[in-house]
Amino acid sequence: MDKEVGERIRHVRLDKGYTRDTLSMMSGVSEKYIFQIERQHTGFSVDILLKLTKALDSSCLLYTSDAAD
C-alpha cells in the first residue's frame, strides 16, 4: 500500500506544479521525508498521510485498491 500511495503523492504533487520544497512548507513534513515516501524508501504514519492529503487538497490519496476488496 505504501508504494502506490507514494506514487500517488508524487503524481498529485507534480500535477499541481508543486516542488517537494513547496509541499514541505505547506504540510510541515520535511522535504527529505517526502522524497523517501515518494520513492518508497520509508513507510509513513496516518498522521503524515493526512498532512500531505490536506496540503495537496486531494482526498484520493486516502483510497487504495485494498479498500475496494
PDB file of N, CA and C in Angstrom:
ATOM      1  N   MET A   1       0.811  -1.189   0.000  1.00  0.00           N
ATOM      2  CA  MET A   1       0.000   0.000   0.000  1.00  0.00           C
ATOM      3  C   MET A   1       0.860   1.261   0.000  1.00  0.00           C
ATOM      4  N   ASP A   2       1.933   1.283   0.794  1.00  0.00           N
ATOM      5  CA  ASP A   2       2.799   2.458   0.854  1.00  0.00           C
ATOM      6  C   ASP A   2       3.330   2.828  -0.520  1.00  0.00           C
ATOM      7  N   LYS A   3       3.653   1.805  -1.326  1.00  0.00           N
ATOM      8  CA  LYS A   3       4.227   2.069  -2.650  1.00  0.00           C
ATOM      9  C   LYS A   3       3.249   2.826  -3.536  1.00  0.00           C
ATOM     10  N   GLU A   4       2.017   2.336  -3.619  1.00  0.00           N
ATOM     11  CA  GLU A   4       1.075   3.019  -4.511  1.00  0.00           C
ATOM     12  C   GLU A   4       0.680   4.386  -3.966  1.00  0.00           C
ATOM     13  N   VAL A   5       0.627   4.556  -2.662  1.00  0.00           N
ATOM     14  CA  VAL A   5       0.322   5.874  -2.093  1.00  0.00           C
ATOM     15  C   VAL A   5       1.473   6.837  -2.360  1.00  0.00           C
ATOM     16  N   GLY A   6       2.708   6.371  -2.216  1.00  0.00           N
ATOM     17  CA  GLY A   6       3.866   7.205  -2.521  1.00  0.00           C
ATOM     18  C   GLY A   6       3.862   7.679  -3.964  1.00  0.00           C
ATOM     19  N   GLU A   7       3.511   6.775  -4.865  1.00  0.00           N
ATOM     20  CA  GLU A   7       3.418   7.139  -6.283  1.00  0.00           C
ATOM     21  C   GLU A   7       2.305   8.150  -6.515  1.00  0.00           C
ATOM     22  N   ARG A   8       1.177   7.978  -5.824  1.00  0.00           N
ATOM     23  CA  ARG A   8       0.066   8.918  -5.972  1.00  0.00           C
ATOM     24  C   ARG A   8       0.416  10.300  -5.432  1.00  0.00           C
ATOM     25  N   ILE A   9       1.118  10.332  -4.310  1.00  0.00           N
ATOM     26  CA  ILE A   9       1.547  11.618  -3.745  1.00  0.00           C
ATOM     27  C   ILE A   9       2.392  12.361  -4.767  1.00  0.00           C
ATOM     28  N   ARG A  10       3.357  11.672  -5.349  1.00  0.00           N
ATOM     29  CA  ARG A  10       4.232  12.297  -6.353  1.00  0.00           C
ATOM     30  C   ARG A  10       3.422  12.785  -7.555  1.00  0.00           C
ATOM     31  N   HIS A  11       2.508  11.951  -8.028  1.00  0.00           N
ATOM     32  CA  HIS A  11       1.696  12.296  -9.201  1.00  0.00           C
ATOM     33  C   HIS A  11       0.849  13.546  -8.928  1.00  0.00           C
ATOM     34  N   VAL A  12       0.168  13.573  -7.794  1.00  0.00           N
ATOM     35  CA  VAL A  12      -0.684  14.721  -7.457  1.00  0.00           C
ATOM     36  C   VAL A  12       0.171  15.972  -7.262  1.00  0.00           C
ATOM     37  N   ARG A  13       1.301  15.813  -6.582  1.00  0.00           N
ATOM     38  CA  ARG A  13       2.201  16.956  -6.360  1.00  0.00           C
ATOM     39  C   ARG A  13       2.637  17.563  -7.689  1.00  0.00           C
ATOM     40  N   LEU A  14       3.058  16.716  -8.622  1.00  0.00           N
ATOM     41  CA  LEU A  14       3.515  17.201  -9.921  1.00  0.00           C
ATOM     42  C   LEU A  14       2.371  17.799 -10.733  1.00  0.00           C
ATOM     43  N   ASP A  15       1.181  17.188 -10.657  1.00  0.00           N
ATOM     44  CA  ASP A  15       0.013  17.734 -11.364  1.00  0.00           C
ATOM     45  C   ASP A  15      -0.317  19.144 -10.895  1.00  0.00           C
ATOM     46  N   LYS A  16      -0.097  19.405  -9.618  1.00  0.00           N
ATOM     47  CA  LYS A  16      -0.382  20.725  -9.055  1.00  0.00           C
ATOM     48  C   LYS A  16       0.778  21.697  -9.254  1.00  0.00           C
ATOM     49  N   GLY A  17       1.890  21.190  -9.788  1.00  0.00           N
ATOM     50  CA  GLY A  17       3.046  22.046 -10.044  1.00  0.00           C
ATOM     51  C   GLY A  17       3.851  22.364  -8.798  1.00  0.00           C
ATOM     52  N   TYR A  18       3.719  21.543  -7.761  1.00  0.00           N
ATOM     53  CA  TYR A  18       4.437  21.779  -6.513  1.00  0.00           C
ATOM     54  C   TYR A  18       5.794  21.083  -6.526  1.00  0.00           C
ATOM     55  N   THR A  19       6.786  21.751  -6.000  1.00  0.00           N
ATOM     56  CA  THR A  19       8.064  21.094  -5.729  1.00  0.00           C
ATOM     57  C   THR A  19       7.943  20.390  -4.386  1.00  0.00           C
ATOM     58  N   ARG A  20       8.892  19.534  -4.078  1.00  0.00           N
ATOM     59  CA  ARG A  20       8.904  18.910  -2.755  1.00  0.00           C
ATOM     60  C   ARG A  20       9.055  19.964  -1.664  1.00  0.00           C
ATOM     61  N   ASP A  21       9.842  20.996  -1.963  1.00  0.00           N
ATOM     62  CA  ASP A  21      10.039  22.075  -1.006  1.00  0.00           C
ATOM     63  C   ASP A  21       8.718  22.792  -0.710  1.00  0.00           C
ATOM     64  N   THR A  22       7.948  23.069  -1.744  1.00  0.00           N
ATOM     65  CA  THR A  22       6.647  23.720  -1.568  1.00  0.00           C
ATOM     66  C   THR A  22       5.721  22.841  -0.731  1.00  0.00           C
ATOM     67  N   LEU A  23       5.644  21.567  -1.073  1.00  0.00           N
ATOM     68  CA  LEU A  23       4.798  20.642  -0.326  1.00  0.00           C
ATOM     69  C   LEU A  23       5.261  20.537   1.123  1.00  0.00           C
ATOM     70  N   SER A  24       6.548  20.567   1.325  1.00  0.00           N
ATOM     71  CA  SER A  24       7.101  20.514   2.678  1.00  0.00           C
ATOM     72  C   SER A  24       6.635  21.713   3.502  1.00  0.00           C
ATOM     73  N   MET A  25       6.730  22.882   2.922  1.00  0.00           N
ATOM     74  CA  MET A  25       6.294  24.094   3.636  1.00  0.00           C
ATOM     75  C   MET A  25       4.794  24.073   3.912  1.00  0.00           C
ATOM     76  N   MET A  26       4.019  23.549   2.981  1.00  0.00           N
ATOM     77  CA  MET A  26       2.569  23.523   3.133  1.00  0.00           C
ATOM     78  C   MET A  26       2.096  22.472   4.135  1.00  0.00           C
ATOM     79  N   SER A  27       2.839  21.368   4.240  1.00  0.00           N
ATOM     80  CA  SER A  27       2.388  20.242   5.058  1.00  0.00           C
ATOM     81  C   SER A  27       3.086  20.135   6.408  1.00  0.00           C
ATOM     82  N   GLY A  28       4.275  20.729   6.524  1.00  0.00           N
ATOM     83  CA  GLY A  28       5.056  20.554   7.752  1.00  0.00           C
ATOM     84  C   GLY A  28       5.826  19.249   7.774  1.00  0.00           C
ATOM     85  N   VAL A  29       5.861  18.542   6.642  1.00  0.00           N
ATOM     86  CA  VAL A  29       6.616  17.291   6.509  1.00  0.00           C
ATOM     87  C   VAL A  29       7.915  17.635   5.784  1.00  0.00           C
ATOM     88  N   SER A  30       9.035  17.129   6.267  1.00  0.00           N
ATOM     89  CA  SER A  30      10.313  17.511   5.671  1.00  0.00           C
ATOM     90  C   SER A  30      10.414  17.086   4.208  1.00  0.00           C
ATOM     91  N   GLU A  31      11.144  17.884   3.451  1.00  0.00           N
ATOM     92  CA  GLU A  31      11.359  17.592   2.027  1.00  0.00           C
ATOM     93  C   GLU A  31      12.019  16.224   1.856  1.00  0.00           C
ATOM     94  N   LYS A  32      12.977  15.919   2.698  1.00  0.00           N
ATOM     95  CA  LYS A  32      13.678  14.628   2.634  1.00  0.00           C
ATOM     96  C   LYS A  32      12.707  13.474   2.879  1.00  0.00           C
ATOM     97  N   TYR A  33      11.809  13.636   3.847  1.00  0.00           N
ATOM     98  CA  TYR A  33      10.841  12.586   4.157  1.00  0.00           C
ATOM     99  C   TYR A  33       9.867  12.398   2.991  1.00  0.00           C
ATOM    100  N   ILE A  34       9.424  13.496   2.374  1.00  0.00           N
ATOM    101  CA  ILE A  34       8.542  13.412   1.206  1.00  0.00           C
ATOM    102  C   ILE A  34       9.238  12.641   0.084  1.00  0.00           C
ATOM    103  N   PHE A  35      10.512  12.954  -0.150  1.00  0.00           N
ATOM    104  CA  PHE A  35      11.279  12.226  -1.167  1.00  0.00           C
ATOM    105  C   PHE A  35      11.294  10.733  -0.856  1.00  0.00           C
ATOM    106  N   GLN A  36      11.567  10.390   0.389  1.00  0.00           N
ATOM    107  CA  GLN A  36      11.633   8.979   0.786  1.00  0.00           C
ATOM    108  C   GLN A  36      10.286   8.284   0.620  1.00  0.00           C
ATOM    109  N   ILE A  37       9.201   8.969   0.946  1.00  0.00           N
ATOM    110  CA  ILE A  37       7.857   8.395   0.772  1.00  0.00           C
ATOM    111  C   ILE A  37       7.569   8.170  -0.710  1.00  0.00           C
ATOM    112  N   GLU A  38       7.826   9.181  -1.524  1.00  0.00           N
ATOM    113  CA  GLU A  38       7.552   9.075  -2.962  1.00  0.00           C
ATOM    114  C   GLU A  38       8.371   7.968  -3.612  1.00  0.00           C
ATOM    115  N   ARG A  39       9.562   7.747  -3.152  1.00  0.00           N
ATOM    116  CA  ARG A  39      10.441   6.728  -3.731  1.00  0.00           C
ATOM    117  C   ARG A  39      10.353   5.383  -3.013  1.00  0.00           C
ATOM    118  N   GLN A  40       9.395   5.270  -2.086  1.00  0.00           N
ATOM    119  CA  GLN A  40       9.156   4.041  -1.339  1.00  0.00           C
ATOM    120  C   GLN A  40      10.372   3.583  -0.534  1.00  0.00           C
ATOM    121  N   HIS A  41      11.155   4.538  -0.033  1.00  0.00           N
ATOM    122  CA  HIS A  41      12.319   4.217   0.788  1.00  0.00           C
ATOM    123  C   HIS A  41      11.966   4.117   2.258  1.00  0.00           C
ATOM    124  N   THR A  42      10.750   4.535   2.616  1.00  0.00           N
ATOM    125  CA  THR A  42      10.328   4.501   4.014  1.00  0.00           C
ATOM    126  C   THR A  42       8.814   4.396   4.085  1.00  0.00           C
ATOM    127  N   GLY A  43       8.338   3.916   5.209  1.00  0.00           N
ATOM    128  CA  GLY A  43       6.901   3.904   5.468  1.00  0.00           C
ATOM    129  C   GLY A  43       6.505   5.241   6.075  1.00  0.00           C
ATOM    130  N   PHE A  44       5.237   5.386   6.408  1.00  0.00           N
ATOM    131  CA  PHE A  44       4.765   6.634   6.989  1.00  0.00           C
ATOM    132  C   PHE A  44       3.528   6.355   7.815  1.00  0.00           C
ATOM    133  N   SER A  45       3.237   7.274   8.721  1.00  0.00           N
ATOM    134  CA  SER A  45       2.078   7.131   9.592  1.00  0.00           C
ATOM    135  C   SER A  45       0.836   7.743   8.944  1.00  0.00           C
ATOM    136  N   VAL A  46      -0.299   7.447   9.525  1.00  0.00           N
ATOM    137  CA  VAL A  46      -1.553   8.033   9.066  1.00  0.00           C
ATOM    138  C   VAL A  46      -1.505   9.549   9.251  1.00  0.00           C
ATOM    139  N   ASP A  47      -0.892  10.012  10.335  1.00  0.00           N
ATOM    140  CA  ASP A  47      -0.774  11.461  10.569  1.00  0.00           C
ATOM    141  C   ASP A  47      -0.031  12.154   9.424  1.00  0.00           C
ATOM    142  N   ILE A  48       1.044  11.548   8.959  1.00  0.00           N
ATOM    143  CA  ILE A  48       1.812  12.118   7.840  1.00  0.00           C
ATOM    144  C   ILE A  48       0.955  12.121   6.577  1.00  0.00           C
ATOM    145  N   LEU A  49       0.265  11.023   6.327  1.00  0.00           N
ATOM    146  CA  LEU A  49      -0.600  10.947   5.143  1.00  0.00           C
ATOM    147  C   LEU A  49      -1.677  12.025   5.190  1.00  0.00           C
ATOM    148  N   LEU A  50      -2.253  12.247   6.349  1.00  0.00           N
ATOM    149  CA  LEU A  50      -3.283  13.281   6.474  1.00  0.00           C
ATOM    150  C   LEU A  50      -2.718  14.675   6.236  1.00  0.00           C
ATOM    151  N   LYS A  51      -1.515  14.944   6.718  1.00  0.00           N
ATOM    152  CA  LYS A  51      -0.873  16.244   6.470  1.00  0.00           C
ATOM    153  C   LYS A  51      -0.649  16.471   4.981  1.00  0.00           C
ATOM    154  N   LEU A  52      -0.164  15.437   4.293  1.00  0.00           N
ATOM    155  CA  LEU A  52       0.089  15.556   2.858  1.00  0.00           C
ATOM    156  C   LEU A  52      -1.215  15.688   2.079  1.00  0.00           C
ATOM    157  N   THR A  53      -2.225  14.921   2.481  1.00  0.00           N
ATOM    158  CA  THR A  53      -3.534  14.978   1.830  1.00  0.00           C
ATOM    159  C   THR A  53      -4.129  16.375   1.949  1.00  0.00           C
ATOM    160  N   LYS A  54      -4.047  16.956   3.135  1.00  0.00           N
ATOM    161  CA  LYS A  54      -4.581  18.302   3.349  1.00  0.00           C
ATOM    162  C   LYS A  54      -3.809  19.330   2.519  1.00  0.00           C
ATOM    163  N   ALA A  55      -2.484  19.241   2.519  1.00  0.00           N
ATOM    164  CA  ALA A  55      -1.667  20.197   1.767  1.00  0.00           C
ATOM    165  C   ALA A  55      -1.923  20.094   0.266  1.00  0.00           C
ATOM    166  N   LEU A  56      -2.150  18.890  -0.215  1.00  0.00           N
ATOM    167  CA  LEU A  56      -2.392  18.679  -1.640  1.00  0.00           C
ATOM    168  C   LEU A  56      -3.867  18.847  -2.005  1.00  0.00           C
ATOM    169  N   ASP A  57      -4.713  19.001  -0.982  1.00  0.00           N
ATOM    170  CA  ASP A  57      -6.156  19.114  -1.199  1.00  0.00           C
ATOM    171  C   ASP A  57      -6.639  17.965  -2.070  1.00  0.00           C
ATOM    172  N   SER A  58      -6.246  16.758  -1.671  1.00  0.00           N
ATOM    173  CA  SER A  58      -6.526  15.590  -2.502  1.00  0.00           C
ATOM    174  C   SER A  58      -6.878  14.386  -1.641  1.00  0.00           C
ATOM    175  N   SER A  59      -8.148  14.176  -1.405  1.00  0.00           N
ATOM    176  CA  SER A  59      -8.578  13.038  -0.594  1.00  0.00           C
ATOM    177  C   SER A  59      -8.350  11.708  -1.304  1.00  0.00           C
ATOM    178  N   CYS A  60      -8.076  11.710  -2.612  1.00  0.00           N
ATOM    179  CA  CYS A  60      -7.858  10.457  -3.337  1.00  0.00           C
ATOM    180  C   CYS A  60      -6.640   9.704  -2.807  1.00  0.00           C
ATOM    181  N   LEU A  61      -5.744  10.395  -2.099  1.00  0.00           N
ATOM    182  CA  LEU A  61      -4.579   9.719  -1.534  1.00  0.00           C
ATOM    183  C   LEU A  61      -4.970   8.734  -0.446  1.00  0.00           C
ATOM    184  N   LEU A  62      -6.160   8.911   0.130  1.00  0.00           N
ATOM    185  CA  LEU A  62      -6.598   8.056   1.231  1.00  0.00           C
ATOM    186  C   LEU A  62      -7.164   6.732   0.754  1.00  0.00           C
ATOM    187  N   TYR A  63      -7.488   6.633  -0.508  1.00  0.00           N
ATOM    188  CA  TYR A  63      -8.117   5.421  -1.034  1.00  0.00           C
ATOM    189  C   TYR A  63      -7.090   4.548  -1.737  1.00  0.00           C
ATOM    190  N   THR A  64      -7.173   3.257  -1.450  1.00  0.00           N
ATOM    191  CA  THR A  64      -6.264   2.307  -2.081  1.00  0.00           C
ATOM    192  C   THR A  64      -7.072   1.229  -2.762  1.00  0.00           C
ATOM    193  N   SER A  65      -6.427   0.471  -3.600  1.00  0.00           N
ATOM    194  CA  SER A  65      -7.119  -0.645  -4.246  1.00  0.00           C
ATOM    195  C   SER A  65      -7.510  -1.685  -3.214  1.00  0.00           C
ATOM    196  N   ASP A  66      -6.816  -1.752  -2.073  1.00  0.00           N
ATOM    197  CA  ASP A  66      -7.152  -2.679  -0.999  1.00  0.00           C
ATOM    198  C   ASP A  66      -8.525  -2.353  -0.405  1.00  0.00           C
ATOM    199  N   ALA A  67      -8.894  -1.070  -0.412  1.00  0.00           N
ATOM    200  CA  ALA A  67     -10.154  -0.643   0.180  1.00  0.00           C
ATOM    201  C   ALA A  67     -11.350  -1.190  -0.601  1.00  0.00           C
ATOM    202  N   ALA A  68     -11.164  -1.485  -1.878  1.00  0.00           N
ATOM    203  CA  ALA A  68     -12.250  -1.985  -2.706  1.00  0.00           C
ATOM    204  C   ALA A  68     -12.498  -3.466  -2.497  1.00  0.00           C
ATOM    205  N   ASP A  69     -11.572  -4.168  -1.889  1.00  0.00           N
ATOM    206  CA  ASP A  69     -11.714  -5.621  -1.671  1.00  0.00           C
ATOM    207  C   ASP A  69     -12.733  -5.950  -0.617  1.00  0.00           C
TER     208      ASP A  69
END
